[in-house]
Every structure is written in C-alpha cells, then in structure tokens.
Amino acid sequence: MKAFGFGLLIGAAVGVAASLLPTDENDRRLRDDVKDYLDGTASDANDFSNSLARVKENLAALQAASPIAQDAIDEIKSKTSNFQSSLSNQVAELKSETEKFKNEAVKINRQFQNE
C-alpha cells in the first residue's frame, strides 16, 4: 500500500511539473522529455519500493528460520560427537583385540620354533 501511495505522489508531481512547462514546439519537446524522465524516475522509485518490501519479507522469513537452522546444527553436532565417542571406543577395542592376536601369534611362533 505504501508503494501505491508513493507512486501516486510521484505521478502527481510529474503531472504538476509537466503542466508548468511552456507550450511552443521546442518547449513541448522539452516538456515531453522531462515528463518521460520523471515517469521513469517514478517507475524506478516504485520498483525500488517493491524491492525493499521483498527484502523485508525475506529478512523476516530468514529470521524465522534461523532458530530452526540453529537447532538442526546443534543436533548434528551432538550426533557427531556421540558418533566420534562411539567410534573411539570401538577403535580402542579393536586395538586391544589386535594386540591380543599379535601376542597369541608371537606365542604360537615361539612354540613352533622350540619344537
């Protein structure tokens, strides 16, 4: 609604400015050029106003989504930490089992060498 009001105000200003210009042929061309320029400016101002409204809407949507994204990030961090902890325990168990197999292999190798 603000964009419409702003556009209406610019349009009125263009109309007033065009009506104040002289009316002979050269002046008429000048008036048309000024009117075209002011119409373009009004259109640009209206486009800018609409773009600004879209930016505000997108910013509000981003702010609304931010807590959801943060919750997801926190959950991923927690699950990653749990996975790393679990993996660390499994690696420790594998190292222990590998050490047992190595010791058993050394023991069996010594028995074969002694026979």
N, C-alpha and C. Protein backbone atom coordinates (compact mmCIF):
# COMPACT_ATOMS: atom_id res chain seq x y z
N MET A 1 0.82 -1.18 0.00
CA MET A 1 0.00 0.00 0.00
C MET A 1 0.88 1.25 0.00
N LYS A 2 2.00 1.20 0.71
CA LYS A 2 2.90 2.35 0.72
C LYS A 2 3.44 2.61 -0.68
N ALA A 3 3.72 1.52 -1.42
CA ALA A 3 4.26 1.66 -2.77
C ALA A 3 3.25 2.38 -3.66
N PHE A 4 1.98 2.04 -3.53
CA PHE A 4 0.94 2.70 -4.33
C PHE A 4 0.88 4.19 -4.00
N GLY A 5 0.88 4.51 -2.72
CA GLY A 5 0.83 5.90 -2.30
C GLY A 5 2.04 6.67 -2.79
N PHE A 6 3.20 6.03 -2.72
CA PHE A 6 4.44 6.67 -3.18
C PHE A 6 4.37 6.91 -4.69
N GLY A 7 3.88 5.91 -5.42
CA GLY A 7 3.74 6.05 -6.87
C GLY A 7 2.74 7.13 -7.24
N LEU A 8 1.65 7.21 -6.48
CA LEU A 8 0.65 8.24 -6.72
C LEU A 8 1.24 9.63 -6.50
N LEU A 9 2.02 9.77 -5.45
CA LEU A 9 2.66 11.04 -5.15
C LEU A 9 3.63 11.44 -6.26
N ILE A 10 4.44 10.52 -6.71
CA ILE A 10 5.39 10.80 -7.80
C ILE A 10 4.63 11.15 -9.08
N GLY A 11 3.55 10.41 -9.36
CA GLY A 11 2.75 10.69 -10.56
C GLY A 11 2.16 12.09 -10.52
N ALA A 12 1.67 12.48 -9.36
CA ALA A 12 1.11 13.83 -9.21
C ALA A 12 2.19 14.88 -9.43
N ALA A 13 3.37 14.64 -8.90
CA ALA A 13 4.47 15.59 -9.08
C ALA A 13 4.84 15.69 -10.55
N VAL A 14 4.83 14.57 -11.25
CA VAL A 14 5.14 14.58 -12.69
C VAL A 14 4.09 15.41 -13.43
N GLY A 15 2.83 15.21 -13.09
CA GLY A 15 1.75 15.96 -13.74
C GLY A 15 1.87 17.46 -13.52
N VAL A 16 2.15 17.84 -12.29
CA VAL A 16 2.29 19.26 -11.97
C VAL A 16 3.50 19.84 -12.72
N ALA A 17 4.60 19.13 -12.71
CA ALA A 17 5.81 19.62 -13.38
C ALA A 17 5.56 19.76 -14.88
N ALA A 18 4.86 18.81 -15.48
CA ALA A 18 4.60 18.86 -16.92
C ALA A 18 3.67 20.01 -17.27
N SER A 19 2.72 20.29 -16.41
CA SER A 19 1.76 21.36 -16.71
C SER A 19 2.38 22.74 -16.61
N LEU A 20 3.46 22.88 -15.88
CA LEU A 20 4.10 24.19 -15.71
C LEU A 20 5.06 24.54 -16.84
N LEU A 21 5.36 23.60 -17.70
CA LEU A 21 6.32 23.85 -18.77
C LEU A 21 5.65 24.64 -19.91
N PRO A 22 6.43 25.47 -20.63
CA PRO A 22 5.89 26.26 -21.75
C PRO A 22 5.35 25.35 -22.87
N THR A 23 4.60 25.95 -23.83
CA THR A 23 3.90 25.14 -24.81
C THR A 23 4.35 25.30 -26.25
N ASP A 24 5.36 26.08 -26.60
CA ASP A 24 5.78 26.11 -28.00
C ASP A 24 6.48 24.78 -28.36
N GLU A 25 6.78 24.56 -29.63
CA GLU A 25 7.25 23.24 -30.10
C GLU A 25 8.52 22.76 -29.40
N ASN A 26 9.55 23.60 -29.30
CA ASN A 26 10.78 23.20 -28.63
C ASN A 26 10.52 22.95 -27.15
N ASP A 27 9.73 23.83 -26.58
CA ASP A 27 9.42 23.67 -25.17
C ASP A 27 8.55 22.44 -24.94
N ARG A 28 7.68 22.14 -25.92
CA ARG A 28 6.82 20.96 -25.82
C ARG A 28 7.70 19.69 -25.81
N ARG A 29 8.72 19.67 -26.69
CA ARG A 29 9.64 18.52 -26.69
C ARG A 29 10.39 18.42 -25.37
N LEU A 30 10.80 19.58 -24.86
CA LEU A 30 11.48 19.59 -23.56
C LEU A 30 10.53 19.07 -22.48
N ARG A 31 9.28 19.54 -22.53
CA ARG A 31 8.29 19.09 -21.55
C ARG A 31 8.10 17.56 -21.65
N ASP A 32 8.02 17.06 -22.88
CA ASP A 32 7.86 15.61 -23.06
C ASP A 32 9.08 14.85 -22.53
N ASP A 33 10.27 15.40 -22.79
CA ASP A 33 11.49 14.76 -22.29
C ASP A 33 11.52 14.74 -20.76
N VAL A 34 11.15 15.89 -20.18
CA VAL A 34 11.12 15.98 -18.71
C VAL A 34 10.07 15.02 -18.16
N LYS A 35 8.90 14.99 -18.81
CA LYS A 35 7.83 14.09 -18.37
C LYS A 35 8.29 12.64 -18.46
N ASP A 36 8.94 12.26 -19.58
CA ASP A 36 9.44 10.89 -19.72
C ASP A 36 10.47 10.57 -18.64
N TYR A 37 11.35 11.54 -18.39
CA TYR A 37 12.37 11.33 -17.35
C TYR A 37 11.72 11.15 -15.98
N LEU A 38 10.76 12.01 -15.67
CA LEU A 38 10.09 11.92 -14.38
C LEU A 38 9.24 10.65 -14.28
N ASP A 39 8.62 10.23 -15.37
CA ASP A 39 7.87 8.97 -15.38
C ASP A 39 8.82 7.81 -15.09
N GLY A 40 9.98 7.84 -15.73
CA GLY A 40 10.99 6.79 -15.48
C GLY A 40 11.46 6.80 -14.04
N THR A 41 11.64 8.00 -13.51
CA THR A 41 12.06 8.11 -12.12
C THR A 41 10.97 7.58 -11.19
N ALA A 42 9.72 7.89 -11.51
CA ALA A 42 8.62 7.38 -10.69
C ALA A 42 8.56 5.86 -10.76
N SER A 43 8.76 5.33 -11.95
CA SER A 43 8.75 3.87 -12.11
C SER A 43 9.91 3.24 -11.34
N ASP A 44 11.08 3.86 -11.43
CA ASP A 44 12.24 3.35 -10.68
C ASP A 44 11.99 3.40 -9.18
N ALA A 45 11.38 4.48 -8.72
CA ALA A 45 11.08 4.61 -7.29
C ALA A 45 10.08 3.55 -6.86
N ASN A 46 9.09 3.28 -7.70
CA ASN A 46 8.10 2.25 -7.40
C ASN A 46 8.77 0.87 -7.37
N ASP A 47 9.64 0.59 -8.34
CA ASP A 47 10.38 -0.68 -8.36
C ASP A 47 11.24 -0.83 -7.11
N PHE A 48 11.89 0.26 -6.73
CA PHE A 48 12.73 0.23 -5.53
C PHE A 48 11.89 -0.06 -4.29
N SER A 49 10.74 0.58 -4.21
CA SER A 49 9.85 0.37 -3.07
C SER A 49 9.39 -1.08 -3.01
N ASN A 50 9.03 -1.65 -4.16
CA ASN A 50 8.63 -3.06 -4.19
C ASN A 50 9.78 -3.98 -3.81
N SER A 51 10.97 -3.68 -4.30
CA SER A 51 12.14 -4.49 -3.95
C SER A 51 12.44 -4.42 -2.47
N LEU A 52 12.30 -3.24 -1.91
CA LEU A 52 12.54 -3.07 -0.48
C LEU A 52 11.52 -3.88 0.34
N ALA A 53 10.28 -3.91 -0.12
CA ALA A 53 9.26 -4.71 0.57
C ALA A 53 9.61 -6.19 0.50
N ARG A 54 10.10 -6.66 -0.65
CA ARG A 54 10.50 -8.07 -0.78
C ARG A 54 11.70 -8.38 0.12
N VAL A 55 12.63 -7.46 0.22
CA VAL A 55 13.79 -7.65 1.10
C VAL A 55 13.32 -7.80 2.55
N LYS A 56 12.38 -6.94 2.96
CA LYS A 56 11.87 -7.01 4.32
C LYS A 56 11.17 -8.35 4.57
N GLU A 57 10.39 -8.82 3.60
CA GLU A 57 9.71 -10.12 3.73
C GLU A 57 10.73 -11.25 3.84
N ASN A 58 11.74 -11.22 2.99
CA ASN A 58 12.77 -12.28 3.01
C ASN A 58 13.57 -12.24 4.30
N LEU A 59 13.85 -11.05 4.80
CA LEU A 59 14.57 -10.93 6.06
C LEU A 59 13.75 -11.52 7.20
N ALA A 60 12.46 -11.24 7.20
CA ALA A 60 11.58 -11.79 8.25
C ALA A 60 11.55 -13.32 8.16
N ALA A 61 11.49 -13.86 6.95
CA ALA A 61 11.49 -15.31 6.77
C ALA A 61 12.81 -15.92 7.24
N LEU A 62 13.90 -15.25 6.94
CA LEU A 62 15.21 -15.73 7.37
C LEU A 62 15.34 -15.71 8.89
N GLN A 63 14.85 -14.65 9.50
CA GLN A 63 14.89 -14.56 10.97
C GLN A 63 14.02 -15.63 11.60
N ALA A 64 12.90 -15.95 10.97
CA ALA A 64 12.02 -17.01 11.49
C ALA A 64 12.67 -18.38 11.35
N ALA A 65 13.43 -18.58 10.28
CA ALA A 65 14.06 -19.88 10.03
C ALA A 65 15.36 -20.05 10.81
N SER A 66 15.95 -18.98 11.27
CA SER A 66 17.24 -19.04 11.95
C SER A 66 17.24 -19.97 13.16
N PRO A 67 16.26 -19.89 14.06
CA PRO A 67 16.27 -20.81 15.22
C PRO A 67 16.14 -22.28 14.80
N ILE A 68 15.37 -22.53 13.76
CA ILE A 68 15.21 -23.91 13.27
C ILE A 68 16.55 -24.42 12.75
N ALA A 69 17.24 -23.59 12.00
CA ALA A 69 18.55 -23.98 11.47
C ALA A 69 19.54 -24.20 12.60
N GLN A 70 19.51 -23.34 13.60
CA GLN A 70 20.43 -23.49 14.74
C GLN A 70 20.15 -24.77 15.49
N ASP A 71 18.87 -25.11 15.67
CA ASP A 71 18.52 -26.37 16.33
C ASP A 71 19.05 -27.56 15.54
N ALA A 72 18.93 -27.51 14.22
CA ALA A 72 19.43 -28.59 13.38
C ALA A 72 20.95 -28.70 13.49
N ILE A 73 21.62 -27.58 13.51
CA ILE A 73 23.09 -27.58 13.64
C ILE A 73 23.50 -28.17 14.98
N ASP A 74 22.81 -27.78 16.04
CA ASP A 74 23.11 -28.30 17.37
C ASP A 74 22.89 -29.81 17.42
N GLU A 75 21.82 -30.28 16.79
CA GLU A 75 21.54 -31.72 16.78
C GLU A 75 22.62 -32.48 16.00
N ILE A 76 23.04 -31.93 14.89
CA ILE A 76 24.10 -32.56 14.10
C ILE A 76 25.40 -32.61 14.90
N LYS A 77 25.72 -31.53 15.60
CA LYS A 77 26.93 -31.51 16.42
C LYS A 77 26.86 -32.59 17.51
N SER A 78 25.71 -32.72 18.14
CA SER A 78 25.54 -33.70 19.19
C SER A 78 25.69 -35.12 18.65
N LYS A 79 25.05 -35.38 17.53
CA LYS A 79 25.14 -36.72 16.93
C LYS A 79 26.56 -37.02 16.46
N THR A 80 27.23 -36.03 15.94
CA THR A 80 28.62 -36.21 15.50
C THR A 80 29.51 -36.52 16.70
N SER A 81 29.31 -35.81 17.78
CA SER A 81 30.09 -36.05 18.99
C SER A 81 29.83 -37.46 19.52
N ASN A 82 28.57 -37.87 19.56
CA ASN A 82 28.24 -39.23 20.01
C ASN A 82 28.87 -40.28 19.11
N PHE A 83 28.83 -40.04 17.80
CA PHE A 83 29.43 -40.98 16.85
C PHE A 83 30.94 -41.07 17.07
N GLN A 84 31.58 -39.92 17.25
CA GLN A 84 33.03 -39.93 17.47
C GLN A 84 33.38 -40.67 18.75
N SER A 85 32.60 -40.47 19.78
CA SER A 85 32.83 -41.16 21.05
C SER A 85 32.67 -42.67 20.87
N SER A 86 31.59 -43.06 20.20
CA SER A 86 31.34 -44.48 19.94
C SER A 86 32.46 -45.07 19.10
N LEU A 87 32.86 -44.35 18.09
CA LEU A 87 33.92 -44.83 17.20
C LEU A 87 35.24 -44.94 17.97
N SER A 88 35.49 -44.01 18.84
CA SER A 88 36.71 -44.03 19.63
C SER A 88 36.75 -45.29 20.51
N ASN A 89 35.60 -45.62 21.11
CA ASN A 89 35.53 -46.84 21.93
C ASN A 89 35.76 -48.08 21.08
N GLN A 90 35.18 -48.12 19.90
CA GLN A 90 35.35 -49.27 19.02
C GLN A 90 36.79 -49.40 18.56
N VAL A 91 37.43 -48.29 18.28
CA VAL A 91 38.85 -48.31 17.86
C VAL A 91 39.71 -48.84 19.01
N ALA A 92 39.41 -48.41 20.21
CA ALA A 92 40.17 -48.90 21.38
C ALA A 92 39.98 -50.41 21.54
N GLU A 93 38.76 -50.90 21.35
CA GLU A 93 38.51 -52.34 21.44
C GLU A 93 39.26 -53.09 20.35
N LEU A 94 39.24 -52.55 19.14
CA LEU A 94 39.95 -53.19 18.02
C LEU A 94 41.46 -53.23 18.29
N LYS A 95 41.99 -52.16 18.84
CA LYS A 95 43.42 -52.14 19.17
C LYS A 95 43.73 -53.21 20.21
N SER A 96 42.87 -53.33 21.19
CA SER A 96 43.06 -54.33 22.24
C SER A 96 43.02 -55.74 21.65
N GLU A 97 42.03 -56.01 20.82
CA GLU A 97 41.91 -57.33 20.18
C GLU A 97 43.10 -57.60 19.28
N THR A 98 43.54 -56.57 18.55
CA THR A 98 44.70 -56.74 17.66
C THR A 98 45.94 -57.07 18.48
N GLU A 99 46.10 -56.40 19.60
CA GLU A 99 47.24 -56.67 20.48
C GLU A 99 47.18 -58.10 21.00
N LYS A 100 45.98 -58.58 21.35
CA LYS A 100 45.82 -59.97 21.82
C LYS A 100 46.21 -60.95 20.72
N PHE A 101 45.73 -60.71 19.48
CA PHE A 101 46.08 -61.59 18.36
C PHE A 101 47.58 -61.56 18.09
N LYS A 102 48.17 -60.40 18.21
CA LYS A 102 49.61 -60.29 17.98
C LYS A 102 50.37 -61.09 19.04
N ASN A 103 49.97 -60.94 20.30
CA ASN A 103 50.64 -61.69 21.38
C ASN A 103 50.45 -63.19 21.20
N GLU A 104 49.25 -63.59 20.78
CA GLU A 104 48.98 -65.02 20.55
C GLU A 104 49.82 -65.53 19.39
N ALA A 105 49.96 -64.70 18.33
CA ALA A 105 50.76 -65.10 17.18
C ALA A 105 52.23 -65.25 17.58
N VAL A 106 52.71 -64.33 18.39
CA VAL A 106 54.10 -64.41 18.87
C VAL A 106 54.28 -65.68 19.70
N LYS A 107 53.33 -65.97 20.55
CA LYS A 107 53.38 -67.15 21.41
C LYS A 107 53.40 -68.43 20.57
N ILE A 108 52.54 -68.51 19.53
CA ILE A 108 52.49 -69.68 18.68
C ILE A 108 53.77 -69.80 17.88
N ASN A 109 54.31 -68.68 17.41
CA ASN A 109 55.56 -68.68 16.65
C ASN A 109 56.70 -69.21 17.51
N ARG A 110 56.75 -68.84 18.77
CA ARG A 110 57.80 -69.32 19.69
C ARG A 110 57.67 -70.81 19.92
N GLN A 111 56.42 -71.29 20.01
CA GLN A 111 56.22 -72.72 20.22
C GLN A 111 56.70 -73.52 19.03
N PHE A 112 56.44 -73.01 17.81
CA PHE A 112 56.91 -73.72 16.62
C PHE A 112 58.42 -73.69 16.52
N GLN A 113 59.02 -72.61 16.95
CA GLN A 113 60.46 -72.52 16.89
C GLN A 113 61.12 -73.43 17.93
N ASN A 114 60.48 -73.66 19.04
CA ASN A 114 61.03 -74.51 20.08
C ASN A 114 60.85 -75.99 19.76
N GLU A 115 60.02 -76.35 18.89
CA GLU A 115 59.80 -77.77 18.57
C GLU A 115 60.76 -78.31 17.59
